[in-house]
Amino acid sequence: MTNKFFTISFIVFASLIEYFGDSSLKYYARTSELKYLFLGTNFYLVIVGMLVYILKYINVSYMNLAWDGSSAILETLLAFILMGERLNNTVQYLGGVFIIIGMICLNYGSIPY
């Protein structure tokens, strides 16, 4: 998995699964329906397996920054579109812009092993 496109795609896909885990756990927290707890927990179990797999090919520092950044961007965007959630002020949105800039900087050069 030394291919940069595949590595980044894998991390973005893991972030998408994390969104489904987070949203399931949110629904569980607000409804107490056990099916959402089960779904959220299982999504996170899949994420653990993906984490173990990806750490075979990249180092923890890069993986953590890429995963956290892509997760923040993707989950915020999906929560905005699918759940109607909003941030409170423009400074918070500016923080999202800084995360995007950070992701662009992170992808400068090769992926460290």
PDB file of N, CA and C in Angstrom:
ATOM      1  N   MET A   1       0.816  -1.173   0.000  1.00  0.00           N
ATOM      2  CA  MET A   1       0.000   0.000   0.000  1.00  0.00           C
ATOM      3  C   MET A   1       0.873   1.256   0.000  1.00  0.00           C
ATOM      4  N   THR A   2       1.974   1.217  -0.681  1.00  0.00           N
ATOM      5  CA  THR A   2       2.835   2.391  -0.739  1.00  0.00           C
ATOM      6  C   THR A   2       2.310   3.428  -1.723  1.00  0.00           C
ATOM      7  N   ASN A   3       1.313   3.078  -2.507  1.00  0.00           N
ATOM      8  CA  ASN A   3       0.698   4.022  -3.429  1.00  0.00           C
ATOM      9  C   ASN A   3      -0.020   5.099  -2.628  1.00  0.00           C
ATOM     10  N   LYS A   4       0.336   6.362  -2.884  1.00  0.00           N
ATOM     11  CA  LYS A   4      -0.212   7.487  -2.114  1.00  0.00           C
ATOM     12  C   LYS A   4      -1.730   7.601  -2.272  1.00  0.00           C
ATOM     13  N   PHE A   5      -2.228   7.450  -3.489  1.00  0.00           N
ATOM     14  CA  PHE A   5      -3.669   7.552  -3.724  1.00  0.00           C
ATOM     15  C   PHE A   5      -4.420   6.485  -2.936  1.00  0.00           C
ATOM     16  N   PHE A   6      -3.918   5.260  -2.965  1.00  0.00           N
ATOM     17  CA  PHE A   6      -4.583   4.177  -2.245  1.00  0.00           C
ATOM     18  C   PHE A   6      -4.551   4.417  -0.739  1.00  0.00           C
ATOM     19  N   THR A   7      -3.421   4.872  -0.225  1.00  0.00           N
ATOM     20  CA  THR A   7      -3.298   5.132   1.209  1.00  0.00           C
ATOM     21  C   THR A   7      -4.279   6.207   1.659  1.00  0.00           C
ATOM     22  N   ILE A   8      -4.334   7.306   0.924  1.00  0.00           N
ATOM     23  CA  ILE A   8      -5.239   8.399   1.285  1.00  0.00           C
ATOM     24  C   ILE A   8      -6.689   7.957   1.137  1.00  0.00           C
ATOM     25  N   SER A   9      -6.997   7.217   0.082  1.00  0.00           N
ATOM     26  CA  SER A   9      -8.362   6.709  -0.111  1.00  0.00           C
ATOM     27  C   SER A   9      -8.770   5.797   1.032  1.00  0.00           C
ATOM     28  N   PHE A  10      -7.843   4.961   1.479  1.00  0.00           N
ATOM     29  CA  PHE A  10      -8.106   4.042   2.585  1.00  0.00           C
ATOM     30  C   PHE A  10      -8.422   4.828   3.854  1.00  0.00           C
ATOM     31  N   ILE A  11      -7.648   5.869   4.117  1.00  0.00           N
ATOM     32  CA  ILE A  11      -7.866   6.681   5.311  1.00  0.00           C
ATOM     33  C   ILE A  11      -9.205   7.424   5.226  1.00  0.00           C
ATOM     34  N   VAL A  12      -9.533   7.939   4.057  1.00  0.00           N
ATOM     35  CA  VAL A  12     -10.822   8.632   3.880  1.00  0.00           C
ATOM     36  C   VAL A  12     -11.976   7.642   4.064  1.00  0.00           C
ATOM     37  N   PHE A  13     -11.837   6.431   3.531  1.00  0.00           N
ATOM     38  CA  PHE A  13     -12.874   5.405   3.701  1.00  0.00           C
ATOM     39  C   PHE A  13     -13.041   5.066   5.184  1.00  0.00           C
ATOM     40  N   ALA A  14     -11.930   4.964   5.911  1.00  0.00           N
ATOM     41  CA  ALA A  14     -12.004   4.695   7.353  1.00  0.00           C
ATOM     42  C   ALA A  14     -12.722   5.842   8.070  1.00  0.00           C
ATOM     43  N   SER A  15     -12.485   7.058   7.624  1.00  0.00           N
ATOM     44  CA  SER A  15     -13.169   8.219   8.217  1.00  0.00           C
ATOM     45  C   SER A  15     -14.666   8.167   7.953  1.00  0.00           C
ATOM     46  N   LEU A  16     -15.041   7.674   6.785  1.00  0.00           N
ATOM     47  CA  LEU A  16     -16.459   7.524   6.459  1.00  0.00           C
ATOM     48  C   LEU A  16     -17.111   6.493   7.383  1.00  0.00           C
ATOM     49  N   ILE A  17     -16.428   5.396   7.614  1.00  0.00           N
ATOM     50  CA  ILE A  17     -16.949   4.385   8.538  1.00  0.00           C
ATOM     51  C   ILE A  17     -17.048   4.966   9.946  1.00  0.00           C
ATOM     52  N   GLU A  18     -16.062   5.784  10.313  1.00  0.00           N
ATOM     53  CA  GLU A  18     -16.098   6.427  11.631  1.00  0.00           C
ATOM     54  C   GLU A  18     -17.321   7.342  11.756  1.00  0.00           C
ATOM     55  N   TYR A  19     -17.674   8.032  10.680  1.00  0.00           N
ATOM     56  CA  TYR A  19     -18.881   8.878  10.703  1.00  0.00           C
ATOM     57  C   TYR A  19     -20.115   8.034  11.023  1.00  0.00           C
ATOM     58  N   PHE A  20     -20.246   6.888  10.372  1.00  0.00           N
ATOM     59  CA  PHE A  20     -21.404   6.035  10.630  1.00  0.00           C
ATOM     60  C   PHE A  20     -21.396   5.529  12.066  1.00  0.00           C
ATOM     61  N   GLY A  21     -20.208   5.249  12.608  1.00  0.00           N
ATOM     62  CA  GLY A  21     -20.117   4.864  14.011  1.00  0.00           C
ATOM     63  C   GLY A  21     -20.539   5.982  14.932  1.00  0.00           C
ATOM     64  N   ASP A  22     -20.025   7.179  14.659  1.00  0.00           N
ATOM     65  CA  ASP A  22     -20.369   8.331  15.497  1.00  0.00           C
ATOM     66  C   ASP A  22     -21.860   8.668  15.433  1.00  0.00           C
ATOM     67  N   SER A  23     -22.410   8.670  14.228  1.00  0.00           N
ATOM     68  CA  SER A  23     -23.829   9.026  14.113  1.00  0.00           C
ATOM     69  C   SER A  23     -24.714   7.958  14.754  1.00  0.00           C
ATOM     70  N   SER A  24     -24.331   6.692  14.643  1.00  0.00           N
ATOM     71  CA  SER A  24     -25.099   5.627  15.311  1.00  0.00           C
ATOM     72  C   SER A  24     -25.065   5.809  16.822  1.00  0.00           C
ATOM     73  N   LEU A  25     -23.889   6.137  17.354  1.00  0.00           N
ATOM     74  CA  LEU A  25     -23.785   6.334  18.801  1.00  0.00           C
ATOM     75  C   LEU A  25     -24.526   7.586  19.251  1.00  0.00           C
ATOM     76  N   LYS A  26     -24.584   8.602  18.399  1.00  0.00           N
ATOM     77  CA  LYS A  26     -25.379   9.795  18.721  1.00  0.00           C
ATOM     78  C   LYS A  26     -26.853   9.414  18.840  1.00  0.00           C
ATOM     79  N   TYR A  27     -27.348   8.618  17.876  1.00  0.00           N
ATOM     80  CA  TYR A  27     -28.747   8.198  17.926  1.00  0.00           C
ATOM     81  C   TYR A  27     -29.012   7.332  19.155  1.00  0.00           C
ATOM     82  N   TYR A  28     -28.046   6.494  19.514  1.00  0.00           N
ATOM     83  CA  TYR A  28     -28.217   5.686  20.721  1.00  0.00           C
ATOM     84  C   TYR A  28     -28.304   6.594  21.953  1.00  0.00           C
ATOM     85  N   ALA A  29     -27.411   7.585  22.025  1.00  0.00           N
ATOM     86  CA  ALA A  29     -27.389   8.483  23.180  1.00  0.00           C
ATOM     87  C   ALA A  29     -28.696   9.253  23.326  1.00  0.00           C
ATOM     88  N   ARG A  30     -29.343   9.542  22.212  1.00  0.00           N
ATOM     89  CA  ARG A  30     -30.571  10.346  22.259  1.00  0.00           C
ATOM     90  C   ARG A  30     -31.851   9.525  22.306  1.00  0.00           C
ATOM     91  N   THR A  31     -31.778   8.235  21.897  1.00  0.00           N
ATOM     92  CA  THR A  31     -32.990   7.416  21.874  1.00  0.00           C
ATOM     93  C   THR A  31     -32.934   6.209  22.807  1.00  0.00           C
ATOM     94  N   SER A  32     -31.748   5.835  23.235  1.00  0.00           N
ATOM     95  CA  SER A  32     -31.509   4.625  24.052  1.00  0.00           C
ATOM     96  C   SER A  32     -31.907   3.340  23.338  1.00  0.00           C
ATOM     97  N   GLU A  33     -32.003   3.374  22.013  1.00  0.00           N
ATOM     98  CA  GLU A  33     -32.311   2.161  21.250  1.00  0.00           C
ATOM     99  C   GLU A  33     -31.016   1.363  21.057  1.00  0.00           C
ATOM    100  N   LEU A  34     -31.030   0.127  21.543  1.00  0.00           N
ATOM    101  CA  LEU A  34     -29.830  -0.697  21.546  1.00  0.00           C
ATOM    102  C   LEU A  34     -29.281  -0.997  20.155  1.00  0.00           C
ATOM    103  N   LYS A  35     -30.136  -0.972  19.140  1.00  0.00           N
ATOM    104  CA  LYS A  35     -29.643  -1.257  17.794  1.00  0.00           C
ATOM    105  C   LYS A  35     -28.592  -0.234  17.367  1.00  0.00           C
ATOM    106  N   TYR A  36     -28.736   1.018  17.809  1.00  0.00           N
ATOM    107  CA  TYR A  36     -27.752   2.043  17.461  1.00  0.00           C
ATOM    108  C   TYR A  36     -26.438   1.838  18.217  1.00  0.00           C
ATOM    109  N   LEU A  37     -26.527   1.372  19.460  1.00  0.00           N
ATOM    110  CA  LEU A  37     -25.311   1.035  20.205  1.00  0.00           C
ATOM    111  C   LEU A  37     -24.583  -0.109  19.517  1.00  0.00           C
ATOM    112  N   PHE A  38     -25.321  -1.118  19.098  1.00  0.00           N
ATOM    113  CA  PHE A  38     -24.740  -2.272  18.402  1.00  0.00           C
ATOM    114  C   PHE A  38     -24.079  -1.822  17.096  1.00  0.00           C
ATOM    115  N   LEU A  39     -24.782  -1.013  16.311  1.00  0.00           N
ATOM    116  CA  LEU A  39     -24.225  -0.529  15.044  1.00  0.00           C
ATOM    117  C   LEU A  39     -22.967   0.299  15.265  1.00  0.00           C
ATOM    118  N   GLY A  40     -23.033   1.251  16.181  1.00  0.00           N
ATOM    119  CA  GLY A  40     -21.882   2.115  16.448  1.00  0.00           C
ATOM    120  C   GLY A  40     -20.674   1.338  16.908  1.00  0.00           C
ATOM    121  N   THR A  41     -20.889   0.378  17.794  1.00  0.00           N
ATOM    122  CA  THR A  41     -19.793  -0.446  18.298  1.00  0.00           C
ATOM    123  C   THR A  41     -19.174  -1.271  17.176  1.00  0.00           C
ATOM    124  N   ASN A  42     -20.002  -1.831  16.322  1.00  0.00           N
ATOM    125  CA  ASN A  42     -19.479  -2.641  15.225  1.00  0.00           C
ATOM    126  C   ASN A  42     -18.722  -1.804  14.194  1.00  0.00           C
ATOM    127  N   PHE A  43     -19.190  -0.597  13.930  1.00  0.00           N
ATOM    128  CA  PHE A  43     -18.435   0.280  13.029  1.00  0.00           C
ATOM    129  C   PHE A  43     -17.049   0.551  13.605  1.00  0.00           C
ATOM    130  N   TYR A  44     -16.974   0.767  14.911  1.00  0.00           N
ATOM    131  CA  TYR A  44     -15.676   1.024  15.532  1.00  0.00           C
ATOM    132  C   TYR A  44     -14.792  -0.224  15.549  1.00  0.00           C
ATOM    133  N   LEU A  45     -15.364  -1.387  15.631  1.00  0.00           N
ATOM    134  CA  LEU A  45     -14.562  -2.617  15.518  1.00  0.00           C
ATOM    135  C   LEU A  45     -13.940  -2.730  14.131  1.00  0.00           C
ATOM    136  N   VAL A  46     -14.684  -2.348  13.108  1.00  0.00           N
ATOM    137  CA  VAL A  46     -14.142  -2.344  11.744  1.00  0.00           C
ATOM    138  C   VAL A  46     -12.985  -1.351  11.659  1.00  0.00           C
ATOM    139  N   ILE A  47     -13.135  -0.202  12.293  1.00  0.00           N
ATOM    140  CA  ILE A  47     -12.083   0.809  12.278  1.00  0.00           C
ATOM    141  C   ILE A  47     -10.801   0.281  12.925  1.00  0.00           C
ATOM    142  N   VAL A  48     -10.921  -0.458  14.007  1.00  0.00           N
ATOM    143  CA  VAL A  48      -9.738  -1.035  14.659  1.00  0.00           C
ATOM    144  C   VAL A  48      -8.999  -1.955  13.690  1.00  0.00           C
ATOM    145  N   GLY A  49      -9.747  -2.798  12.979  1.00  0.00           N
ATOM    146  CA  GLY A  49      -9.121  -3.679  11.989  1.00  0.00           C
ATOM    147  C   GLY A  49      -8.426  -2.895  10.887  1.00  0.00           C
ATOM    148  N   MET A  50      -9.048  -1.819  10.438  1.00  0.00           N
ATOM    149  CA  MET A  50      -8.446  -0.981   9.404  1.00  0.00           C
ATOM    150  C   MET A  50      -7.187  -0.299   9.925  1.00  0.00           C
ATOM    151  N   LEU A  51      -7.220   0.139  11.175  1.00  0.00           N
ATOM    152  CA  LEU A  51      -6.056   0.773  11.785  1.00  0.00           C
ATOM    153  C   LEU A  51      -4.865  -0.187  11.811  1.00  0.00           C
ATOM    154  N   VAL A  52      -5.100  -1.400  12.248  1.00  0.00           N
ATOM    155  CA  VAL A  52      -4.027  -2.397  12.290  1.00  0.00           C
ATOM    156  C   VAL A  52      -3.463  -2.628  10.888  1.00  0.00           C
ATOM    157  N   TYR A  53      -4.330  -2.729   9.900  1.00  0.00           N
ATOM    158  CA  TYR A  53      -3.890  -2.955   8.523  1.00  0.00           C
ATOM    159  C   TYR A  53      -3.043  -1.792   8.006  1.00  0.00           C
ATOM    160  N   ILE A  54      -3.515  -0.582   8.187  1.00  0.00           N
ATOM    161  CA  ILE A  54      -2.814   0.568   7.610  1.00  0.00           C
ATOM    162  C   ILE A  54      -1.476   0.823   8.297  1.00  0.00           C
ATOM    163  N   LEU A  55      -1.356   0.462   9.564  1.00  0.00           N
ATOM    164  CA  LEU A  55      -0.089   0.663  10.265  1.00  0.00           C
ATOM    165  C   LEU A  55       1.017  -0.272   9.777  1.00  0.00           C
ATOM    166  N   LYS A  56       0.674  -1.242   8.954  1.00  0.00           N
ATOM    167  CA  LYS A  56       1.692  -2.071   8.311  1.00  0.00           C
ATOM    168  C   LYS A  56       2.465  -1.270   7.274  1.00  0.00           C
ATOM    169  N   TYR A  57       1.858  -0.203   6.769  1.00  0.00           N
ATOM    170  CA  TYR A  57       2.404   0.496   5.606  1.00  0.00           C
ATOM    171  C   TYR A  57       2.811   1.946   5.855  1.00  0.00           C
ATOM    172  N   ILE A  58       2.320   2.576   6.911  1.00  0.00           N
ATOM    173  CA  ILE A  58       2.689   3.965   7.196  1.00  0.00           C
ATOM    174  C   ILE A  58       2.940   4.113   8.688  1.00  0.00           C
ATOM    175  N   ASN A  59       3.598   5.203   9.063  1.00  0.00           N
ATOM    176  CA  ASN A  59       3.885   5.371  10.489  1.00  0.00           C
ATOM    177  C   ASN A  59       2.708   6.011  11.231  1.00  0.00           C
ATOM    178  N   VAL A  60       2.773   5.937  12.543  1.00  0.00           N
ATOM    179  CA  VAL A  60       1.678   6.400  13.393  1.00  0.00           C
ATOM    180  C   VAL A  60       1.458   7.912  13.246  1.00  0.00           C
ATOM    181  N   SER A  61       2.534   8.667  13.157  1.00  0.00           N
ATOM    182  CA  SER A  61       2.405  10.127  13.069  1.00  0.00           C
ATOM    183  C   SER A  61       1.599  10.546  11.846  1.00  0.00           C
ATOM    184  N   TYR A  62       1.979  10.011  10.692  1.00  0.00           N
ATOM    185  CA  TYR A  62       1.278  10.369   9.462  1.00  0.00           C
ATOM    186  C   TYR A  62      -0.166   9.866   9.513  1.00  0.00           C
ATOM    187  N   MET A  63      -0.343   8.626   9.920  1.00  0.00           N
ATOM    188  CA  MET A  63      -1.682   8.035   9.966  1.00  0.00           C
ATOM    189  C   MET A  63      -2.591   8.844  10.873  1.00  0.00           C
ATOM    190  N   ASN A  64      -2.102   9.228  12.032  1.00  0.00           N
ATOM    191  CA  ASN A  64      -2.933   9.968  12.978  1.00  0.00           C
ATOM    192  C   ASN A  64      -3.330  11.337  12.422  1.00  0.00           C
ATOM    193  N   LEU A  65      -2.384  12.054  11.856  1.00  0.00           N
ATOM    194  CA  LEU A  65      -2.705  13.365  11.283  1.00  0.00           C
ATOM    195  C   LEU A  65      -3.665  13.240  10.104  1.00  0.00           C
ATOM    196  N   ALA A  66      -3.397  12.289   9.215  1.00  0.00           N
ATOM    197  CA  ALA A  66      -4.253  12.120   8.033  1.00  0.00           C
ATOM    198  C   ALA A  66      -5.649  11.658   8.427  1.00  0.00           C
ATOM    199  N   TRP A  67      -5.726  10.731   9.338  1.00  0.00           N
ATOM    200  CA  TRP A  67      -7.025  10.193   9.759  1.00  0.00           C
ATOM    201  C   TRP A  67      -7.828  11.267  10.485  1.00  0.00           C
ATOM    202  N   ASP A  68      -7.194  11.938  11.447  1.00  0.00           N
ATOM    203  CA  ASP A  68      -7.913  12.964  12.205  1.00  0.00           C
ATOM    204  C   ASP A  68      -8.371  14.111  11.305  1.00  0.00           C
ATOM    205  N   GLY A  69      -7.501  14.530  10.394  1.00  0.00           N
ATOM    206  CA  GLY A  69      -7.872  15.621   9.491  1.00  0.00           C
ATOM    207  C   GLY A  69      -8.988  15.243   8.547  1.00  0.00           C
ATOM    208  N   SER A  70      -8.846  14.081   7.913  1.00  0.00           N
ATOM    209  CA  SER A  70      -9.888  13.659   6.970  1.00  0.00           C
ATOM    210  C   SER A  70     -11.192  13.363   7.696  1.00  0.00           C
ATOM    211  N   SER A  71     -11.086  12.813   8.889  1.00  0.00           N
ATOM    212  CA  SER A  71     -12.281  12.533   9.681  1.00  0.00           C
ATOM    213  C   SER A  71     -12.981  13.829  10.062  1.00  0.00           C
ATOM    214  N   ALA A  72     -12.225  14.826  10.479  1.00  0.00           N
ATOM    215  CA  ALA A  72     -12.823  16.109  10.862  1.00  0.00           C
ATOM    216  C   ALA A  72     -13.535  16.752   9.678  1.00  0.00           C
ATOM    217  N   ILE A  73     -12.904  16.734   8.530  1.00  0.00           N
ATOM    218  CA  ILE A  73     -13.500  17.349   7.341  1.00  0.00           C
ATOM    219  C   ILE A  73     -14.725  16.561   6.887  1.00  0.00           C
ATOM    220  N   LEU A  74     -14.558  15.252   6.723  1.00  0.00           N
ATOM    221  CA  LEU A  74     -15.636  14.417   6.195  1.00  0.00           C
ATOM    222  C   LEU A  74     -16.834  14.351   7.140  1.00  0.00           C
ATOM    223  N   GLU A  75     -16.559  14.129   8.423  1.00  0.00           N
ATOM    224  CA  GLU A  75     -17.667  14.014   9.378  1.00  0.00           C
ATOM    225  C   GLU A  75     -18.413  15.330   9.547  1.00  0.00           C
ATOM    226  N   THR A  76     -17.692  16.441   9.537  1.00  0.00           N
ATOM    227  CA  THR A  76     -18.351  17.739   9.641  1.00  0.00           C
ATOM    228  C   THR A  76     -19.219  18.004   8.422  1.00  0.00           C
ATOM    229  N   LEU A  77     -18.689  17.691   7.252  1.00  0.00           N
ATOM    230  CA  LEU A  77     -19.446  17.890   6.019  1.00  0.00           C
ATOM    231  C   LEU A  77     -20.699  17.010   5.991  1.00  0.00           C
ATOM    232  N   LEU A  78     -20.557  15.733   6.356  1.00  0.00           N
ATOM    233  CA  LEU A  78     -21.714  14.832   6.360  1.00  0.00           C
ATOM    234  C   LEU A  78     -22.732  15.223   7.426  1.00  0.00           C
ATOM    235  N   ALA A  79     -22.260  15.654   8.597  1.00  0.00           N
ATOM    236  CA  ALA A  79     -23.193  16.097   9.643  1.00  0.00           C
ATOM    237  C   ALA A  79     -23.940  17.350   9.192  1.00  0.00           C
ATOM    238  N   PHE A  80     -23.259  18.208   8.452  1.00  0.00           N
ATOM    239  CA  PHE A  80     -23.875  19.420   7.917  1.00  0.00           C
ATOM    240  C   PHE A  80     -24.961  19.067   6.910  1.00  0.00           C
ATOM    241  N   ILE A  81     -24.637  18.135   5.996  1.00  0.00           N
ATOM    242  CA  ILE A  81     -25.558  17.785   4.907  1.00  0.00           C
ATOM    243  C   ILE A  81     -26.665  16.841   5.377  1.00  0.00           C
ATOM    244  N   LEU A  82     -26.292  15.753   6.040  1.00  0.00           N
ATOM    245  CA  LEU A  82     -27.254  14.698   6.358  1.00  0.00           C
ATOM    246  C   LEU A  82     -28.033  14.932   7.654  1.00  0.00           C
ATOM    247  N   MET A  83     -27.404  15.609   8.621  1.00  0.00           N
ATOM    248  CA  MET A  83     -28.041  15.757   9.923  1.00  0.00           C
ATOM    249  C   MET A  83     -28.460  17.192  10.211  1.00  0.00           C
ATOM    250  N   GLY A  84     -28.099  18.104   9.312  1.00  0.00           N
ATOM    251  CA  GLY A  84     -28.484  19.490   9.499  1.00  0.00           C
ATOM    252  C   GLY A  84     -27.750  20.198  10.620  1.00  0.00           C
ATOM    253  N   GLU A  85     -26.618  19.653  11.061  1.00  0.00           N
ATOM    254  CA  GLU A  85     -25.875  20.279  12.150  1.00  0.00           C
ATOM    255  C   GLU A  85     -25.064  21.463  11.626  1.00  0.00           C
ATOM    256  N   ARG A  86     -24.904  22.472  12.455  1.00  0.00           N
ATOM    257  CA  ARG A  86     -24.169  23.677  12.095  1.00  0.00           C
ATOM    258  C   ARG A  86     -23.209  24.042  13.227  1.00  0.00           C
ATOM    259  N   LEU A  87     -22.169  24.769  12.865  1.00  0.00           N
ATOM    260  CA  LEU A  87     -21.276  25.335  13.873  1.00  0.00           C
ATOM    261  C   LEU A  87     -21.871  26.662  14.341  1.00  0.00           C
ATOM    262  N   ASN A  88     -21.321  27.223  15.411  1.00  0.00           N
ATOM    263  CA  ASN A  88     -21.933  28.414  16.008  1.00  0.00           C
ATOM    264  C   ASN A  88     -21.472  29.740  15.432  1.00  0.00           C
ATOM    265  N   ASN A  89     -20.258  29.802  14.884  1.00  0.00           N
ATOM    266  CA  ASN A  89     -19.768  31.096  14.408  1.00  0.00           C
ATOM    267  C   ASN A  89     -18.725  30.914  13.310  1.00  0.00           C
ATOM    268  N   THR A  90     -18.343  32.015  12.698  1.00  0.00           N
ATOM    269  CA  THR A  90     -17.415  31.956  11.560  1.00  0.00           C
ATOM    270  C   THR A  90     -16.011  31.535  11.971  1.00  0.00           C
ATOM    271  N   VAL A  91     -15.616  31.796  13.194  1.00  0.00           N
ATOM    272  CA  VAL A  91     -14.285  31.376  13.646  1.00  0.00           C
ATOM    273  C   VAL A  91     -14.196  29.849  13.654  1.00  0.00           C
ATOM    274  N   GLN A  92     -15.274  29.174  14.009  1.00  0.00           N
ATOM    275  CA  GLN A  92     -15.280  27.712  13.969  1.00  0.00           C
ATOM    276  C   GLN A  92     -15.156  27.210  12.541  1.00  0.00           C
ATOM    277  N   TYR A  93     -15.820  27.853  11.607  1.00  0.00           N
ATOM    278  CA  TYR A  93     -15.675  27.472  10.198  1.00  0.00           C
ATOM    279  C   TYR A  93     -14.255  27.743   9.711  1.00  0.00           C
ATOM    280  N   LEU A  94     -13.645  28.820  10.200  1.00  0.00           N
ATOM    281  CA  LEU A  94     -12.253  29.118   9.856  1.00  0.00           C
ATOM    282  C   LEU A  94     -11.331  28.001  10.344  1.00  0.00           C
ATOM    283  N   GLY A  95     -11.631  27.443  11.487  1.00  0.00           N
ATOM    284  CA  GLY A  95     -10.879  26.290  11.987  1.00  0.00           C
ATOM    285  C   GLY A  95     -10.934  25.125  11.005  1.00  0.00           C
ATOM    286  N   GLY A  96     -12.100  24.919  10.401  1.00  0.00           N
ATOM    287  CA  GLY A  96     -12.232  23.877   9.375  1.00  0.00           C
ATOM    288  C   GLY A  96     -11.369  24.163   8.160  1.00  0.00           C
ATOM    289  N   VAL A  97     -11.278  25.432   7.790  1.00  0.00           N
ATOM    290  CA  VAL A  97     -10.416  25.816   6.663  1.00  0.00           C
ATOM    291  C   VAL A  97      -8.956  25.513   7.002  1.00  0.00           C
ATOM    292  N   PHE A  98      -8.547  25.786   8.237  1.00  0.00           N
ATOM    293  CA  PHE A  98      -7.177  25.477   8.650  1.00  0.00           C
ATOM    294  C   PHE A  98      -6.899  23.968   8.602  1.00  0.00           C
ATOM    295  N   ILE A  99      -7.889  23.164   8.940  1.00  0.00           N
ATOM    296  CA  ILE A  99      -7.721  21.708   8.852  1.00  0.00           C
ATOM    297  C   ILE A  99      -7.499  21.301   7.395  1.00  0.00           C
ATOM    298  N   ILE A 100      -8.257  21.883   6.490  1.00  0.00           N
ATOM    299  CA  ILE A 100      -8.087  21.588   5.061  1.00  0.00           C
ATOM    300  C   ILE A 100      -6.681  21.992   4.597  1.00  0.00           C
ATOM    301  N   ILE A 101      -6.234  23.171   5.010  1.00  0.00           N
ATOM    302  CA  ILE A 101      -4.880  23.614   4.658  1.00  0.00           C
ATOM    303  C   ILE A 101      -3.845  22.651   5.235  1.00  0.00           C
ATOM    304  N   GLY A 102      -4.058  22.210   6.455  1.00  0.00           N
ATOM    305  CA  GLY A 102      -3.157  21.244   7.077  1.00  0.00           C
ATOM    306  C   GLY A 102      -3.096  19.928   6.312  1.00  0.00           C
ATOM    307  N   MET A 103      -4.240  19.483   5.810  1.00  0.00           N
ATOM    308  CA  MET A 103      -4.266  18.244   5.024  1.00  0.00           C
ATOM    309  C   MET A 103      -3.483  18.408   3.718  1.00  0.00           C
ATOM    310  N   ILE A 104      -3.584  19.568   3.101  1.00  0.00           N
ATOM    311  CA  ILE A 104      -2.817  19.823   1.879  1.00  0.00           C
ATOM    312  C   ILE A 104      -1.319  19.803   2.201  1.00  0.00           C
ATOM    313  N   CYS A 105      -0.923  20.446   3.281  1.00  0.00           N
ATOM    314  CA  CYS A 105       0.492  20.447   3.680  1.00  0.00           C
ATOM    315  C   CYS A 105       0.974  19.040   4.037  1.00  0.00           C
ATOM    316  N   LEU A 106       0.134  18.277   4.696  1.00  0.00           N
ATOM    317  CA  LEU A 106       0.504  16.926   5.105  1.00  0.00           C
ATOM    318  C   LEU A 106       0.827  16.043   3.900  1.00  0.00           C
ATOM    319  N   ASN A 107       0.186  16.288   2.801  1.00  0.00           N
ATOM    320  CA  ASN A 107       0.376  15.446   1.617  1.00  0.00           C
ATOM    321  C   ASN A 107       1.494  15.930   0.703  1.00  0.00           C
ATOM    322  N   TYR A 108       2.298  16.859   1.188  1.00  0.00           N
ATOM    323  CA  TYR A 108       3.465  17.313   0.443  1.00  0.00           C
ATOM    324  C   TYR A 108       4.570  16.271   0.632  1.00  0.00           C
ATOM    325  N   GLY A 109       5.090  15.750  -0.463  1.00  0.00           N
ATOM    326  CA  GLY A 109       6.161  14.743  -0.377  1.00  0.00           C
ATOM    327  C   GLY A 109       5.608  13.339  -0.261  1.00  0.00           C
ATOM    328  N   SER A 110       6.483  12.431   0.104  1.00  0.00           N
ATOM    329  CA  SER A 110       6.097  11.025   0.170  1.00  0.00           C
ATOM    330  C   SER A 110       5.494  10.688   1.538  1.00  0.00           C
ATOM    331  N   ILE A 111       4.834   9.555   1.593  1.00  0.00           N
ATOM    332  CA  ILE A 111       4.218   9.089   2.835  1.00  0.00           C
ATOM    333  C   ILE A 111       5.290   8.347   3.659  1.00  0.00           C
ATOM    334  N   PRO A 112       5.510   8.753   4.911  1.00  0.00           N
ATOM    335  CA  PRO A 112       6.551   8.105   5.724  1.00  0.00           C
ATOM    336  C   PRO A 112       6.139   6.712   6.183  1.00  0.00           C
ATOM    337  N   TYR A 113       7.128   5.821   6.218  1.00  0.00           N
ATOM    338  CA  TYR A 113       6.907   4.461   6.685  1.00  0.00           C
ATOM    339  C   TYR A 113       7.456   4.355   8.047  1.00  0.00           C
TER     340      TYR A 113
END
